Amino acid sequence: MRTPETYQYLPLFAKVSIERLDGNPDYRNPAMLDSFLDSYAKTYGTECDDYTRESAHYRASKRFYDFVPGVFNLVAP
């Protein structure tokens, strides 16, 4: 298992997705974060890989007390 990526090393589209959750508490759920990750990655001409997705979920769960991440198996807390 890999450890989650630190925020500073996440791709820009992942950082922007996490920041969007900060703007509206109603967005703080795994489905919305996944939607943002997919949309912003597409805007940057790439796809969101599983490791980046799981790292973004982990970082969001540490940043927002009301964000409960989905269950993943690629990264260890």
PDB file of N, CA and C in Angstrom:
ATOM      1  N   MET A   1       0.838  -1.190   0.000  1.00  0.00           N
ATOM      2  CA  MET A   1       0.000   0.000   0.000  1.00  0.00           C
ATOM      3  C   MET A   1       0.879   1.248   0.000  1.00  0.00           C
ATOM      4  N   ARG A   2       0.480   2.201  -0.765  1.00  0.00           N
ATOM      5  CA  ARG A   2       1.181   3.476  -0.800  1.00  0.00           C
ATOM      6  C   ARG A   2       0.519   4.436   0.175  1.00  0.00           C
ATOM      7  N   THR A   3       1.308   5.335   0.716  1.00  0.00           N
ATOM      8  CA  THR A   3       0.734   6.360   1.582  1.00  0.00           C
ATOM      9  C   THR A   3       0.107   7.427   0.700  1.00  0.00           C
ATOM     10  N   PRO A   4      -0.920   8.121   1.206  1.00  0.00           N
ATOM     11  CA  PRO A   4      -1.552   9.177   0.409  1.00  0.00           C
ATOM     12  C   PRO A   4      -0.563  10.288   0.071  1.00  0.00           C
ATOM     13  N   GLU A   5      -0.725  10.845  -1.092  1.00  0.00           N
ATOM     14  CA  GLU A   5       0.127  11.953  -1.531  1.00  0.00           C
ATOM     15  C   GLU A   5      -0.156  13.176  -0.672  1.00  0.00           C
ATOM     16  N   THR A   6       0.894  13.931  -0.337  1.00  0.00           N
ATOM     17  CA  THR A   6       0.679  15.167   0.405  1.00  0.00           C
ATOM     18  C   THR A   6       0.016  16.190  -0.514  1.00  0.00           C
ATOM     19  N   TYR A   7      -0.683  17.124   0.095  1.00  0.00           N
ATOM     20  CA  TYR A   7      -1.451  18.101  -0.676  1.00  0.00           C
ATOM     21  C   TYR A   7      -0.579  18.836  -1.684  1.00  0.00           C
ATOM     22  N   GLN A   8       0.608  19.234  -1.272  1.00  0.00           N
ATOM     23  CA  GLN A   8       1.459  20.054  -2.150  1.00  0.00           C
ATOM     24  C   GLN A   8       1.877  19.322  -3.420  1.00  0.00           C
ATOM     25  N   TYR A   9       1.865  17.987  -3.413  1.00  0.00           N
ATOM     26  CA  TYR A   9       2.298  17.227  -4.578  1.00  0.00           C
ATOM     27  C   TYR A   9       1.141  16.678  -5.406  1.00  0.00           C
ATOM     28  N   LEU A  10      -0.076  16.976  -5.005  1.00  0.00           N
ATOM     29  CA  LEU A  10      -1.217  16.561  -5.816  1.00  0.00           C
ATOM     30  C   LEU A  10      -1.241  17.366  -7.113  1.00  0.00           C
ATOM     31  N   PRO A  11      -1.778  16.787  -8.184  1.00  0.00           N
ATOM     32  CA  PRO A  11      -1.917  17.566  -9.423  1.00  0.00           C
ATOM     33  C   PRO A  11      -2.847  18.766  -9.188  1.00  0.00           C
ATOM     34  N   LEU A  12      -2.677  19.780  -9.987  1.00  0.00           N
ATOM     35  CA  LEU A  12      -3.459  20.999  -9.812  1.00  0.00           C
ATOM     36  C   LEU A  12      -4.957  20.734  -9.844  1.00  0.00           C
ATOM     37  N   PHE A  13      -5.419  19.854 -10.738  1.00  0.00           N
ATOM     38  CA  PHE A  13      -6.862  19.603 -10.816  1.00  0.00           C
ATOM     39  C   PHE A  13      -7.397  18.988  -9.511  1.00  0.00           C
ATOM     40  N   ALA A  14      -6.572  18.217  -8.816  1.00  0.00           N
ATOM     41  CA  ALA A  14      -6.996  17.635  -7.539  1.00  0.00           C
ATOM     42  C   ALA A  14      -7.060  18.707  -6.451  1.00  0.00           C
ATOM     43  N   LYS A  15      -6.096  19.613  -6.458  1.00  0.00           N
ATOM     44  CA  LYS A  15      -6.107  20.711  -5.487  1.00  0.00           C
ATOM     45  C   LYS A  15      -7.326  21.599  -5.688  1.00  0.00           C
ATOM     46  N   VAL A  16      -7.622  21.920  -6.948  1.00  0.00           N
ATOM     47  CA  VAL A  16      -8.783  22.763  -7.255  1.00  0.00           C
ATOM     48  C   VAL A  16     -10.067  22.064  -6.805  1.00  0.00           C
ATOM     49  N   SER A  17     -10.144  20.768  -6.999  1.00  0.00           N
ATOM     50  CA  SER A  17     -11.326  20.012  -6.591  1.00  0.00           C
ATOM     51  C   SER A  17     -11.528  20.079  -5.077  1.00  0.00           C
ATOM     52  N   ILE A  18     -10.451  19.941  -4.321  1.00  0.00           N
ATOM     53  CA  ILE A  18     -10.541  20.027  -2.863  1.00  0.00           C
ATOM     54  C   ILE A  18     -10.941  21.438  -2.435  1.00  0.00           C
ATOM     55  N   GLU A  19     -10.394  22.440  -3.108  1.00  0.00           N
ATOM     56  CA  GLU A  19     -10.752  23.829  -2.783  1.00  0.00           C
ATOM     57  C   GLU A  19     -12.223  24.114  -3.052  1.00  0.00           C
ATOM     58  N   ARG A  20     -12.798  23.496  -4.069  1.00  0.00           N
ATOM     59  CA  ARG A  20     -14.228  23.668  -4.344  1.00  0.00           C
ATOM     60  C   ARG A  20     -15.074  23.173  -3.170  1.00  0.00           C
ATOM     61  N   LEU A  21     -14.627  22.112  -2.507  1.00  0.00           N
ATOM     62  CA  LEU A  21     -15.350  21.612  -1.339  1.00  0.00           C
ATOM     63  C   LEU A  21     -15.339  22.631  -0.206  1.00  0.00           C
ATOM     64  N   ASP A  22     -14.282  23.430  -0.154  1.00  0.00           N
ATOM     65  CA  ASP A  22     -14.174  24.445   0.887  1.00  0.00           C
ATOM     66  C   ASP A  22     -15.199  25.556   0.688  1.00  0.00           C
ATOM     67  N   GLY A  23     -15.575  25.794  -0.551  1.00  0.00           N
ATOM     68  CA  GLY A  23     -16.485  26.887  -0.860  1.00  0.00           C
ATOM     69  C   GLY A  23     -17.938  26.631  -0.499  1.00  0.00           C
ATOM     70  N   ASN A  24     -18.338  25.385  -0.430  1.00  0.00           N
ATOM     71  CA  ASN A  24     -19.733  25.066  -0.140  1.00  0.00           C
ATOM     72  C   ASN A  24     -19.800  23.744   0.631  1.00  0.00           C
ATOM     73  N   PRO A  25     -20.241  23.780   1.887  1.00  0.00           N
ATOM     74  CA  PRO A  25     -20.312  22.555   2.690  1.00  0.00           C
ATOM     75  C   PRO A  25     -21.215  21.472   2.088  1.00  0.00           C
ATOM     76  N   ASP A  26     -22.164  21.858   1.268  1.00  0.00           N
ATOM     77  CA  ASP A  26     -23.045  20.875   0.638  1.00  0.00           C
ATOM     78  C   ASP A  26     -22.305  20.001  -0.365  1.00  0.00           C
ATOM     79  N   TYR A  27     -21.149  20.437  -0.814  1.00  0.00           N
ATOM     80  CA  TYR A  27     -20.351  19.681  -1.783  1.00  0.00           C
ATOM     81  C   TYR A  27     -19.462  18.630  -1.116  1.00  0.00           C
ATOM     82  N   ARG A  28     -19.392  18.626   0.191  1.00  0.00           N
ATOM     83  CA  ARG A  28     -18.430  17.770   0.894  1.00  0.00           C
ATOM     84  C   ARG A  28     -18.910  16.327   1.031  1.00  0.00           C
ATOM     85  N   ASN A  29     -18.905  15.635  -0.087  1.00  0.00           N
ATOM     86  CA  ASN A  29     -19.207  14.209  -0.094  1.00  0.00           C
ATOM     87  C   ASN A  29     -18.384  13.550  -1.194  1.00  0.00           C
ATOM     88  N   PRO A  30     -18.140  12.254  -1.070  1.00  0.00           N
ATOM     89  CA  PRO A  30     -17.269  11.575  -2.034  1.00  0.00           C
ATOM     90  C   PRO A  30     -17.759  11.667  -3.484  1.00  0.00           C
ATOM     91  N   ALA A  31     -19.053  11.597  -3.697  1.00  0.00           N
ATOM     92  CA  ALA A  31     -19.579  11.644  -5.070  1.00  0.00           C
ATOM     93  C   ALA A  31     -19.283  12.993  -5.722  1.00  0.00           C
ATOM     94  N   MET A  32     -19.433  14.063  -4.984  1.00  0.00           N
ATOM     95  CA  MET A  32     -19.173  15.396  -5.535  1.00  0.00           C
ATOM     96  C   MET A  32     -17.684  15.585  -5.793  1.00  0.00           C
ATOM     97  N   LEU A  33     -16.842  15.116  -4.875  1.00  0.00           N
ATOM     98  CA  LEU A  33     -15.397  15.218  -5.093  1.00  0.00           C
ATOM     99  C   LEU A  33     -14.991  14.423  -6.333  1.00  0.00           C
ATOM    100  N   ASP A  34     -15.545  13.232  -6.496  1.00  0.00           N
ATOM    101  CA  ASP A  34     -15.255  12.439  -7.697  1.00  0.00           C
ATOM    102  C   ASP A  34     -15.677  13.177  -8.959  1.00  0.00           C
ATOM    103  N   SER A  35     -16.825  13.820  -8.907  1.00  0.00           N
ATOM    104  CA  SER A  35     -17.310  14.587 -10.051  1.00  0.00           C
ATOM    105  C   SER A  35     -16.363  15.737 -10.384  1.00  0.00           C
ATOM    106  N   PHE A  36     -15.923  16.458  -9.356  1.00  0.00           N
ATOM    107  CA  PHE A  36     -14.970  17.551  -9.569  1.00  0.00           C
ATOM    108  C   PHE A  36     -13.647  17.027 -10.119  1.00  0.00           C
ATOM    109  N   LEU A  37     -13.157  15.940  -9.559  1.00  0.00           N
ATOM    110  CA  LEU A  37     -11.891  15.377 -10.024  1.00  0.00           C
ATOM    111  C   LEU A  37     -11.966  14.997 -11.498  1.00  0.00           C
ATOM    112  N   ASP A  38     -13.045  14.332 -11.884  1.00  0.00           N
ATOM    113  CA  ASP A  38     -13.207  13.926 -13.283  1.00  0.00           C
ATOM    114  C   ASP A  38     -13.337  15.130 -14.209  1.00  0.00           C
ATOM    115  N   SER A  39     -14.128  16.116 -13.790  1.00  0.00           N
ATOM    116  CA  SER A  39     -14.358  17.301 -14.625  1.00  0.00           C
ATOM    117  C   SER A  39     -13.090  18.133 -14.806  1.00  0.00           C
ATOM    118  N   TYR A  40     -12.402  18.402 -13.701  1.00  0.00           N
ATOM    119  CA  TYR A  40     -11.194  19.220 -13.797  1.00  0.00           C
ATOM    120  C   TYR A  40     -10.064  18.483 -14.507  1.00  0.00           C
ATOM    121  N   ALA A  41      -9.950  17.182 -14.283  1.00  0.00           N
ATOM    122  CA  ALA A  41      -8.919  16.415 -14.994  1.00  0.00           C
ATOM    123  C   ALA A  41      -9.166  16.477 -16.495  1.00  0.00           C
ATOM    124  N   LYS A  42     -10.416  16.351 -16.891  1.00  0.00           N
ATOM    125  CA  LYS A  42     -10.761  16.426 -18.319  1.00  0.00           C
ATOM    126  C   LYS A  42     -10.406  17.804 -18.880  1.00  0.00           C
ATOM    127  N   THR A  43     -10.653  18.853 -18.092  1.00  0.00           N
ATOM    128  CA  THR A  43     -10.312  20.211 -18.510  1.00  0.00           C
ATOM    129  C   THR A  43      -8.808  20.350 -18.760  1.00  0.00           C
ATOM    130  N   TYR A  44      -8.006  19.657 -17.931  1.00  0.00           N
ATOM    131  CA  TYR A  44      -6.553  19.699 -18.082  1.00  0.00           C
ATOM    132  C   TYR A  44      -6.045  18.673 -19.087  1.00  0.00           C
ATOM    133  N   GLY A  45      -6.951  17.971 -19.752  1.00  0.00           N
ATOM    134  CA  GLY A  45      -6.563  17.029 -20.795  1.00  0.00           C
ATOM    135  C   GLY A  45      -5.984  15.727 -20.278  1.00  0.00           C
ATOM    136  N   THR A  46      -6.412  15.322 -19.094  1.00  0.00           N
ATOM    137  CA  THR A  46      -5.910  14.078 -18.511  1.00  0.00           C
ATOM    138  C   THR A  46      -7.058  13.340 -17.833  1.00  0.00           C
ATOM    139  N   GLU A  47      -6.735  12.224 -17.213  1.00  0.00           N
ATOM    140  CA  GLU A  47      -7.715  11.487 -16.428  1.00  0.00           C
ATOM    141  C   GLU A  47      -7.207  11.367 -15.006  1.00  0.00           C
ATOM    142  N   CYS A  48      -8.125  11.256 -14.068  1.00  0.00           N
ATOM    143  CA  CYS A  48      -7.748  11.114 -12.672  1.00  0.00           C
ATOM    144  C   CYS A  48      -7.499   9.632 -12.383  1.00  0.00           C
ATOM    145  N   ASP A  49      -6.256   9.324 -12.022  1.00  0.00           N
ATOM    146  CA  ASP A  49      -5.934   7.930 -11.708  1.00  0.00           C
ATOM    147  C   ASP A  49      -6.417   7.590 -10.290  1.00  0.00           C
ATOM    148  N   ASP A  50      -6.464   6.313  -9.983  1.00  0.00           N
ATOM    149  CA  ASP A  50      -6.985   5.855  -8.691  1.00  0.00           C
ATOM    150  C   ASP A  50      -6.190   6.394  -7.507  1.00  0.00           C
ATOM    151  N   TYR A  51      -4.880   6.437  -7.635  1.00  0.00           N
ATOM    152  CA  TYR A  51      -4.040   6.913  -6.539  1.00  0.00           C
ATOM    153  C   TYR A  51      -4.318   8.393  -6.229  1.00  0.00           C
ATOM    154  N   THR A  52      -4.429   9.208  -7.260  1.00  0.00           N
ATOM    155  CA  THR A  52      -4.736  10.623  -7.062  1.00  0.00           C
ATOM    156  C   THR A  52      -6.117  10.789  -6.450  1.00  0.00           C
ATOM    157  N   ARG A  53      -7.087  10.023  -6.941  1.00  0.00           N
ATOM    158  CA  ARG A  53      -8.453  10.094  -6.419  1.00  0.00           C
ATOM    159  C   ARG A  53      -8.486   9.733  -4.934  1.00  0.00           C
ATOM    160  N   GLU A  54      -7.835   8.646  -4.586  1.00  0.00           N
ATOM    161  CA  GLU A  54      -7.843   8.200  -3.200  1.00  0.00           C
ATOM    162  C   GLU A  54      -7.066   9.162  -2.306  1.00  0.00           C
ATOM    163  N   SER A  55      -5.992   9.724  -2.817  1.00  0.00           N
ATOM    164  CA  SER A  55      -5.237  10.717  -2.053  1.00  0.00           C
ATOM    165  C   SER A  55      -6.076  11.966  -1.819  1.00  0.00           C
ATOM    166  N   ALA A  56      -6.816  12.395  -2.831  1.00  0.00           N
ATOM    167  CA  ALA A  56      -7.687  13.572  -2.686  1.00  0.00           C
ATOM    168  C   ALA A  56      -8.781  13.308  -1.655  1.00  0.00           C
ATOM    169  N   HIS A  57      -9.350  12.119  -1.673  1.00  0.00           N
ATOM    170  CA  HIS A  57     -10.363  11.763  -0.671  1.00  0.00           C
ATOM    171  C   HIS A  57      -9.750  11.782   0.728  1.00  0.00           C
ATOM    172  N   TYR A  58      -8.567  11.231   0.863  1.00  0.00           N
ATOM    173  CA  TYR A  58      -7.897  11.207   2.156  1.00  0.00           C
ATOM    174  C   TYR A  58      -7.611  12.622   2.645  1.00  0.00           C
ATOM    175  N   ARG A  59      -7.074  13.462   1.771  1.00  0.00           N
ATOM    176  CA  ARG A  59      -6.764  14.842   2.159  1.00  0.00           C
ATOM    177  C   ARG A  59      -8.033  15.620   2.515  1.00  0.00           C
ATOM    178  N   ALA A  60      -9.106  15.398   1.775  1.00  0.00           N
ATOM    179  CA  ALA A  60     -10.371  16.078   2.089  1.00  0.00           C
ATOM    180  C   ALA A  60     -10.897  15.628   3.449  1.00  0.00           C
ATOM    181  N   SER A  61     -10.739  14.340   3.772  1.00  0.00           N
ATOM    182  CA  SER A  61     -11.221  13.849   5.069  1.00  0.00           C
ATOM    183  C   SER A  61     -10.424  14.440   6.223  1.00  0.00           C
ATOM    184  N   LYS A  62      -9.159  14.750   5.980  1.00  0.00           N
ATOM    185  CA  LYS A  62      -8.336  15.372   7.023  1.00  0.00           C
ATOM    186  C   LYS A  62      -8.604  16.867   7.144  1.00  0.00           C
ATOM    187  N   ARG A  63      -9.028  17.474   6.075  1.00  0.00           N
ATOM    188  CA  ARG A  63      -9.259  18.921   6.074  1.00  0.00           C
ATOM    189  C   ARG A  63     -10.656  19.289   6.561  1.00  0.00           C
ATOM    190  N   PHE A  64     -11.655  18.486   6.192  1.00  0.00           N
ATOM    191  CA  PHE A  64     -13.045  18.796   6.526  1.00  0.00           C
ATOM    192  C   PHE A  64     -13.598  17.728   7.466  1.00  0.00           C
ATOM    193  N   TYR A  65     -14.034  18.147   8.637  1.00  0.00           N
ATOM    194  CA  TYR A  65     -14.532  17.184   9.617  1.00  0.00           C
ATOM    195  C   TYR A  65     -15.786  16.461   9.134  1.00  0.00           C
ATOM    196  N   ASP A  66     -16.554  17.087   8.242  1.00  0.00           N
ATOM    197  CA  ASP A  66     -17.808  16.493   7.785  1.00  0.00           C
ATOM    198  C   ASP A  66     -17.672  15.704   6.482  1.00  0.00           C
ATOM    199  N   PHE A  67     -16.449  15.486   6.013  1.00  0.00           N
ATOM    200  CA  PHE A  67     -16.224  14.693   4.807  1.00  0.00           C
ATOM    201  C   PHE A  67     -15.852  13.276   5.214  1.00  0.00           C
ATOM    202  N   VAL A  68     -16.656  12.318   4.772  1.00  0.00           N
ATOM    203  CA  VAL A  68     -16.386  10.907   5.073  1.00  0.00           C
ATOM    204  C   VAL A  68     -15.999  10.247   3.755  1.00  0.00           C
ATOM    205  N   PRO A  69     -14.739   9.855   3.619  1.00  0.00           N
ATOM    206  CA  PRO A  69     -14.282   9.295   2.342  1.00  0.00           C
ATOM    207  C   PRO A  69     -14.854   7.907   2.090  1.00  0.00           C
ATOM    208  N   GLY A  70     -14.823   7.508   0.827  1.00  0.00           N
ATOM    209  CA  GLY A  70     -15.212   6.163   0.466  1.00  0.00           C
ATOM    210  C   GLY A  70     -14.150   5.169   0.922  1.00  0.00           C
ATOM    211  N   VAL A  71     -14.451   3.919   0.796  1.00  0.00           N
ATOM    212  CA  VAL A  71     -13.506   2.875   1.201  1.00  0.00           C
ATOM    213  C   VAL A  71     -12.610   2.539   0.032  1.00  0.00           C
ATOM    214  N   PHE A  72     -11.302   2.680   0.239  1.00  0.00           N
ATOM    215  CA  PHE A  72     -10.318   2.390  -0.797  1.00  0.00           C
ATOM    216  C   PHE A  72      -9.291   1.422  -0.226  1.00  0.00           C
ATOM    217  N   ASN A  73      -8.503   0.843  -1.094  1.00  0.00           N
ATOM    218  CA  ASN A  73      -7.499  -0.093  -0.626  1.00  0.00           C
ATOM    219  C   ASN A  73      -6.101   0.188  -1.149  1.00  0.00           C
ATOM    220  N   LEU A  74      -5.904   1.241  -1.915  1.00  0.00           N
ATOM    221  CA  LEU A  74      -4.583   1.514  -2.482  1.00  0.00           C
ATOM    222  C   LEU A  74      -3.698   2.351  -1.579  1.00  0.00           C
ATOM    223  N   VAL A  75      -4.308   3.146  -0.706  1.00  0.00           N
ATOM    224  CA  VAL A  75      -3.508   4.001   0.163  1.00  0.00           C
ATOM    225  C   VAL A  75      -3.744   3.629   1.614  1.00  0.00           C
ATOM    226  N   ALA A  76      -2.718   3.751   2.402  1.00  0.00           N
ATOM    227  CA  ALA A  76      -2.811   3.469   3.836  1.00  0.00           C
ATOM    228  C   ALA A  76      -2.842   4.777   4.610  1.00  0.00           C
ATOM    229  N   PRO A  77      -3.666   4.887   5.630  1.00  0.00           N
ATOM    230  CA  PRO A  77      -3.724   6.126   6.417  1.00  0.00           C
ATOM    231  C   PRO A  77      -2.471   6.394   7.197  1.00  0.00           C
TER     232      PRO A  77
END
